[in-house]
């Protein structure tokens, strides 16, 4: 269920130095009542980062390993069994995490990587605001845990303007099915945005924490330029987080496809006036400039789909040869 009284916490964090991240994250979550408000001892907690491609963390393509480490430690301290999962478009979660510098950190903590498989249409939350909107089947791995922590990276996006809290959950669509739905929705970015909101409502993660210490501007989500932003942002309502981010970046919410669709659907949190802010005020969090991308069509062409499939197969063959 989408949180109807959105409360978003913002804290300054200028560096990925481990102690600084841990302190800022702790302060952010304290503003929301503490992590133990969301986690009970013995809970199975799944962290869903952005693992788009296997790139070094300094390129700002994926959720930073230090942020993943910090929230994992805090969840473990609450007595949780912690898992980490995603479905990158061209590789496995395990191989992508290795290339991003995440694997060694989470192995030391005993955090297990979960590959998103077994797609299903059944067992998801009822849709109050997005009823009737078709979505791809989602990984059943999310139904096997007590709490999903959505851990996106703040980035520009060539097709959707900005990708963050709501869009990160598209990674719960298994494998190349994501590319097919880009193709299927190729004639309407509005329809694609509505689908993303329906996926969000079906999953309804219990907590979203944004890595906005360094974001990405320009031609994101994979080929943009790292942009220092210096923030950690958290809350239960992902739509509200995206609304707060538009204010911080100086982006008109009407230009943000997902947020505009959320406003049309009257989803709680889509209007900045509905949101309680704790910690750093938005006026202090705003950044001077953020380069938005030149927008491209939402749909992938048939050649793009075929090329992606061959890349995926080649990746799997190479991995098997190296084992």
Protein backbone atom coordinates (compact mmCIF):
# COMPACT_ATOMS: atom_id res chain seq x y z
CA UNK A 1 0.00 0.00 0.00
CA UNK A 2 1.29 3.47 -0.91
CA UNK A 3 1.96 5.61 2.16
CA UNK A 4 -0.79 8.26 2.25
CA UNK A 5 1.00 10.65 4.65
CA UNK A 6 4.45 10.97 3.09
CA UNK A 7 7.35 11.93 5.31
CA UNK A 8 10.74 12.41 3.63
CA UNK A 9 14.05 12.89 5.43
CA UNK A 10 17.05 14.65 3.85
CA UNK A 11 20.60 14.75 5.17
CA UNK A 12 23.80 16.24 3.83
CA UNK A 13 26.62 13.81 2.96
CA UNK A 14 29.47 15.10 0.80
CA UNK A 15 31.70 12.02 0.64
CA UNK A 16 31.62 8.23 0.37
CA UNK A 17 33.92 7.89 3.34
CA UNK A 18 32.36 5.02 5.30
CA UNK A 19 31.94 6.80 8.64
CA UNK A 20 30.37 9.86 6.99
CA UNK A 21 27.87 7.72 5.07
CA UNK A 22 26.99 5.68 8.16
CA UNK A 23 26.42 8.84 10.22
CA UNK A 24 24.30 10.56 7.56
CA UNK A 25 22.25 7.44 6.97
CA UNK A 26 21.67 6.98 10.68
CA UNK A 27 20.52 10.59 11.05
CA UNK A 28 18.24 10.27 8.02
CA UNK A 29 16.56 7.13 9.35
CA UNK A 30 16.32 8.55 12.89
CA UNK A 31 14.18 11.32 11.41
CA UNK A 32 11.78 8.62 10.23
CA UNK A 33 11.70 6.85 13.60
CA UNK A 34 14.76 4.63 13.22
CA UNK A 35 15.40 1.54 11.11
CA UNK A 36 13.99 -0.71 13.83
CA UNK A 37 10.62 0.88 13.08
CA UNK A 38 10.74 -1.02 9.79
CA UNK A 39 12.69 -4.18 10.74
CA UNK A 40 11.90 -6.79 13.37
CA UNK A 41 14.52 -9.24 14.61
CA UNK A 42 14.54 -12.30 12.36
CA UNK A 43 13.07 -10.48 9.33
CA UNK A 44 14.30 -11.29 5.86
CA UNK A 45 15.23 -7.94 4.28
CA UNK A 46 15.92 -7.57 0.56
CA UNK A 47 17.93 -4.55 -0.59
CA UNK A 48 17.19 -3.55 -4.20
CA UNK A 49 20.00 -1.27 -5.45
CA UNK A 50 20.54 0.08 -8.95
CA UNK A 51 22.90 -2.42 -10.63
CA UNK A 52 22.44 -1.21 -14.20
CA UNK A 53 25.88 -2.10 -15.57
CA UNK A 54 29.13 -3.39 -14.16
CA UNK A 55 30.97 -0.07 -13.90
CA UNK A 56 33.33 1.31 -11.25
CA UNK A 57 31.51 3.26 -8.50
CA UNK A 58 33.20 6.56 -9.42
CA UNK A 59 31.25 6.57 -12.71
CA UNK A 60 27.99 6.96 -10.71
CA UNK A 61 26.12 4.37 -12.78
CA UNK A 62 25.12 2.18 -9.82
CA UNK A 63 24.31 2.54 -6.13
CA UNK A 64 27.63 3.06 -4.39
CA UNK A 65 29.10 0.06 -2.51
CA UNK A 66 29.62 2.13 0.64
CA UNK A 67 25.92 3.04 0.80
CA UNK A 68 25.01 -0.63 0.32
CA UNK A 69 27.45 -1.58 3.06
CA UNK A 70 26.06 1.03 5.46
CA UNK A 71 22.40 0.03 5.15
CA UNK A 72 23.34 -3.67 5.24
CA UNK A 73 25.22 -3.19 8.52
CA UNK A 74 22.31 -1.31 10.04
CA UNK A 75 19.80 -3.97 8.98
CA UNK A 76 22.05 -6.71 10.36
CA UNK A 77 22.29 -4.79 13.64
CA UNK A 78 18.48 -4.94 13.80
CA UNK A 79 18.74 -8.73 13.69
CA UNK A 80 17.69 -9.16 10.06
CA UNK A 81 18.76 -11.70 7.47
CA UNK A 82 19.92 -9.40 4.63
CA UNK A 83 19.75 -10.20 0.92
CA UNK A 84 20.69 -8.09 -2.10
CA UNK A 85 19.02 -8.51 -5.47
CA UNK A 86 18.48 -6.99 -8.90
CA UNK A 87 18.05 -8.04 -12.52
CA UNK A 88 20.60 -6.12 -14.64
CA UNK A 89 19.69 -6.01 -18.33
CA UNK A 90 22.86 -7.60 -19.73
CA UNK A 91 24.30 -9.73 -16.95
CA UNK A 92 23.56 -11.44 -13.65
CA UNK A 93 23.31 -9.56 -10.37
CA UNK A 94 26.33 -11.47 -9.06
CA UNK A 95 28.61 -10.59 -11.99
CA UNK A 96 27.45 -6.97 -12.05
CA UNK A 97 27.99 -6.61 -8.29
CA UNK A 98 31.51 -8.03 -8.68
CA UNK A 99 32.40 -5.48 -11.35
CA UNK A 100 30.93 -2.63 -9.29
CA UNK A 101 33.07 -3.43 -6.23
CA UNK A 102 30.12 -4.58 -4.16
CA UNK A 103 30.76 -8.32 -3.79
CA UNK A 104 33.77 -8.25 -1.46
CA UNK A 105 31.98 -5.85 0.90
CA UNK A 106 28.76 -7.81 1.21
CA UNK A 107 30.57 -11.15 1.40
CA UNK A 108 32.34 -9.91 4.52
CA UNK A 109 28.95 -9.11 6.02
CA UNK A 110 27.35 -12.41 5.06
CA UNK A 111 24.85 -10.74 2.71
CA UNK A 112 23.57 -13.09 0.01
CA UNK A 113 23.06 -12.02 -3.61
CA UNK A 114 19.70 -13.07 -5.03
CA UNK A 115 19.15 -13.40 -8.76
CA UNK A 116 15.71 -12.20 -9.77
CA UNK A 117 14.00 -15.15 -11.44
CA UNK A 118 10.57 -16.84 -11.43
CA UNK A 119 8.38 -14.00 -12.74
CA UNK A 120 4.76 -14.01 -11.60
CA UNK A 121 1.62 -11.90 -11.93
CA UNK A 122 0.18 -13.30 -8.69
CA UNK A 123 0.56 -12.36 -5.04
CA UNK A 124 1.19 -8.61 -5.31
CA UNK A 125 -0.40 -5.75 -3.38
CA UNK A 126 -3.81 -4.54 -4.53
CA UNK A 127 -3.74 -1.53 -6.83
CA UNK A 128 -5.85 1.34 -5.54
CA UNK A 129 -4.44 4.09 -7.78
CA UNK A 130 -3.19 2.09 -10.78
CA UNK A 131 -5.89 -0.57 -11.09
CA UNK A 132 -6.26 -1.88 -14.64
CA UNK A 133 -2.77 -0.87 -15.77
CA UNK A 134 -0.94 -3.88 -17.16
CA UNK A 135 2.57 -4.64 -15.95
CA UNK A 136 5.17 -7.29 -16.74
CA UNK A 137 5.35 -10.20 -14.30
CA UNK A 138 7.69 -9.42 -11.40
CA UNK A 139 10.22 -11.60 -9.62
CA UNK A 140 8.70 -13.77 -6.91
CA UNK A 141 11.87 -13.21 -4.84
CA UNK A 142 10.26 -10.07 -3.41
CA UNK A 143 7.39 -12.14 -2.01
CA UNK A 144 9.81 -14.29 0.01
CA UNK A 145 11.00 -11.44 2.26
CA UNK A 146 9.50 -9.34 5.03
CA UNK A 147 10.81 -5.97 3.84
CA UNK A 148 12.04 -4.56 0.54
CA UNK A 149 14.44 -1.62 0.82
CA UNK A 150 14.55 0.27 -2.46
CA UNK A 151 18.07 1.74 -2.84
CA UNK A 152 18.21 3.80 -6.03
CA UNK A 153 20.84 6.10 -7.50
CA UNK A 154 19.78 9.62 -8.52
CA UNK A 155 20.47 9.98 -12.25
CA UNK A 156 19.32 11.79 -15.36
CA UNK A 157 17.55 9.53 -17.85
CA UNK A 158 17.47 9.99 -21.63
CA UNK A 159 13.94 8.61 -21.95
CA UNK A 160 12.26 9.67 -18.69
CA UNK A 161 14.24 12.81 -17.73
CA UNK A 162 15.06 11.56 -14.21
CA UNK A 163 15.41 8.05 -12.81
CA UNK A 164 15.27 7.48 -9.08
CA UNK A 165 12.84 6.01 -6.56
CA UNK A 166 9.93 4.75 -8.70
CA UNK A 167 11.98 3.83 -11.78
CA UNK A 168 14.49 1.76 -9.78
CA UNK A 169 11.80 -0.87 -9.21
CA UNK A 170 11.72 -1.64 -12.94
CA UNK A 171 14.74 -3.81 -12.10
CA UNK A 172 12.27 -6.23 -10.49
CA UNK A 173 11.18 -7.20 -14.00
CA UNK A 174 13.21 -10.27 -14.92
CA UNK A 175 16.00 -10.13 -17.51
CA UNK A 176 15.33 -9.11 -21.12
CA UNK A 177 11.60 -8.75 -20.44
CA UNK A 178 12.43 -5.12 -19.55
CA UNK A 179 13.61 -4.43 -23.11
CA UNK A 180 10.47 -6.07 -24.55
CA UNK A 181 8.22 -3.75 -22.52
CA UNK A 182 10.23 -0.74 -23.71
CA UNK A 183 9.43 -1.96 -27.23
CA UNK A 184 5.80 -2.66 -26.36
CA UNK A 185 5.29 0.85 -24.94
CA UNK A 186 7.35 2.53 -27.68
CA UNK A 187 4.52 4.81 -28.82
CA UNK A 188 3.73 6.37 -25.45
CA UNK A 189 6.09 7.47 -22.72
CA UNK A 190 2.99 8.31 -20.67
CA UNK A 191 1.87 4.69 -20.85
CA UNK A 192 5.35 3.57 -19.81
CA UNK A 193 5.27 5.96 -16.84
CA UNK A 194 1.86 4.63 -15.78
CA UNK A 195 3.25 1.09 -15.93
CA UNK A 196 6.16 2.09 -13.67
CA UNK A 197 3.71 3.48 -11.13
CA UNK A 198 1.67 0.28 -11.27
CA UNK A 199 4.83 -1.76 -10.61
CA UNK A 200 5.59 0.50 -7.66
CA UNK A 201 2.10 0.08 -6.21
CA UNK A 202 2.24 -3.71 -6.64
CA UNK A 203 5.59 -3.95 -4.82
CA UNK A 204 5.13 -1.07 -2.34
CA UNK A 205 8.63 -1.24 -0.83
CA UNK A 206 8.62 -0.51 2.88
CA UNK A 207 11.50 1.95 2.67
CA UNK A 208 13.34 3.86 -0.06
CA UNK A 209 16.80 5.34 0.48
CA UNK A 210 18.43 7.37 -2.29
CA UNK A 211 22.15 7.50 -2.96
CA UNK A 212 22.39 11.14 -4.04
CA UNK A 213 25.87 11.77 -2.69
CA UNK A 214 27.11 11.73 -6.27
CA UNK A 215 24.44 11.54 -8.94
CA UNK A 216 24.59 11.53 -12.72
CA UNK A 217 23.61 14.38 -15.04
CA UNK A 218 23.50 14.59 -18.81
CA UNK A 219 23.00 11.45 -20.88
CA UNK A 220 22.05 9.04 -18.12
CA UNK A 221 21.29 6.47 -16.94
CA UNK A 222 24.50 4.85 -18.19
CA UNK A 223 26.52 7.41 -20.13
CA UNK A 224 26.15 10.66 -18.24
CA UNK A 225 28.58 12.65 -16.10
CA UNK A 226 28.97 12.24 -12.32
CA UNK A 227 27.44 15.19 -10.48
CA UNK A 228 28.18 15.99 -6.81
CA UNK A 229 24.84 16.47 -5.02
CA UNK A 230 25.80 15.66 -1.44
CA UNK A 231 22.58 14.15 -0.12
CA UNK A 232 20.97 11.04 1.30
CA UNK A 233 17.18 11.04 1.02
CA UNK A 234 14.80 8.50 2.56
CA UNK A 235 11.13 7.78 3.13
CA UNK A 236 8.36 5.24 2.72
CA UNK A 237 6.71 6.89 -0.29
CA UNK A 238 8.80 6.65 -3.48
CA UNK A 239 6.58 9.07 -5.40
CA UNK A 240 7.11 11.69 -2.70
CA UNK A 241 10.87 11.14 -2.89
CA UNK A 242 10.78 11.75 -6.64
CA UNK A 243 8.74 14.90 -6.04
CA UNK A 244 11.29 16.17 -3.49
CA UNK A 245 14.10 15.46 -5.93
CA UNK A 246 12.50 17.55 -8.67
CA UNK A 247 12.49 20.46 -6.21
CA UNK A 248 16.13 19.88 -5.27
CA UNK A 249 17.22 19.71 -8.93
CA UNK A 250 15.09 22.64 -10.04
CA UNK A 251 13.11 20.48 -12.47
CA UNK A 252 9.49 21.32 -13.28
CA UNK A 253 7.38 18.35 -12.07
CA UNK A 254 5.28 18.68 -15.24
CA UNK A 255 8.38 17.72 -17.24
CA UNK A 256 8.98 14.62 -15.09
CA UNK A 257 6.93 11.94 -16.88
CA UNK A 258 6.45 9.64 -13.89
CA UNK A 259 5.61 12.44 -11.48
CA UNK A 260 3.19 14.08 -13.92
CA UNK A 261 1.38 10.76 -14.35
CA UNK A 262 1.31 10.30 -10.56
CA UNK A 263 -0.34 13.71 -10.23
CA UNK A 264 -2.92 12.76 -12.85
CA UNK A 265 -3.69 9.61 -10.86
CA UNK A 266 -3.78 11.60 -7.59
CA UNK A 267 -1.22 9.30 -5.99
CA UNK A 268 -0.21 10.54 -2.51
CA UNK A 269 3.14 12.33 -2.52
CA UNK A 270 2.96 13.55 -6.09
CA UNK A 271 2.37 17.13 -4.90
CA UNK A 272 5.19 18.71 -2.92
CA UNK A 273 2.67 20.46 -0.63
CA UNK A 274 1.52 17.05 0.66
CA UNK A 275 4.96 16.08 1.94
CA UNK A 276 6.45 16.47 5.42
CA UNK A 277 10.19 17.18 5.25
CA UNK A 278 12.63 16.41 8.08
CA UNK A 279 16.34 17.11 8.42
CA UNK A 280 17.78 19.43 5.79
CA UNK A 281 15.14 21.77 4.31
CA UNK A 282 14.67 21.67 0.54
CA UNK A 283 15.88 25.27 0.26
CA UNK A 284 19.23 24.21 1.73
CA UNK A 285 19.38 20.99 -0.31
CA UNK A 286 18.91 22.61 -3.73
CA UNK A 287 21.82 22.48 -6.15
CA UNK A 288 22.81 25.28 -8.50
CA UNK A 289 22.54 23.40 -11.77
CA UNK A 290 21.72 19.95 -13.10
CA UNK A 291 22.08 19.08 -16.78
CA UNK A 292 19.00 17.29 -18.01
CA UNK A 293 19.35 15.05 -21.07
CA UNK A 294 18.12 15.49 -24.59
CA UNK A 295 15.17 13.11 -24.59
CA UNK A 296 15.00 10.07 -26.86
CA UNK A 297 12.02 7.75 -27.59
CA UNK A 298 11.02 5.31 -24.86
CA UNK A 299 10.85 2.34 -27.22
CA UNK A 300 13.67 0.05 -28.25
CA UNK A 301 13.83 -0.92 -31.92
CA UNK A 302 13.82 -4.55 -33.08
CA UNK A 303 17.55 -4.34 -33.98
CA UNK A 304 18.22 -2.99 -30.47
CA UNK A 305 16.33 -5.90 -28.95
CA UNK A 306 18.23 -8.44 -31.05
CA UNK A 307 21.56 -6.80 -30.25
CA UNK A 308 20.75 -6.86 -26.53
CA UNK A 309 19.78 -10.54 -26.64
CA UNK A 310 23.07 -11.43 -28.34
CA UNK A 311 25.01 -9.38 -25.76
CA UNK A 312 23.21 -11.24 -22.99
CA UNK A 313 23.98 -14.64 -24.54
CA UNK A 314 27.62 -13.70 -25.13
CA UNK A 315 27.96 -12.58 -21.53
CA UNK A 316 26.63 -15.92 -20.27
CA UNK A 317 28.94 -17.91 -22.56
CA UNK A 318 31.99 -15.89 -21.49
CA UNK A 319 31.11 -16.38 -17.83
CA UNK A 320 30.81 -20.16 -18.26
CA UNK A 321 34.17 -20.35 -20.03
CA UNK A 322 35.82 -18.43 -17.18
CA UNK A 323 34.43 -20.71 -14.48
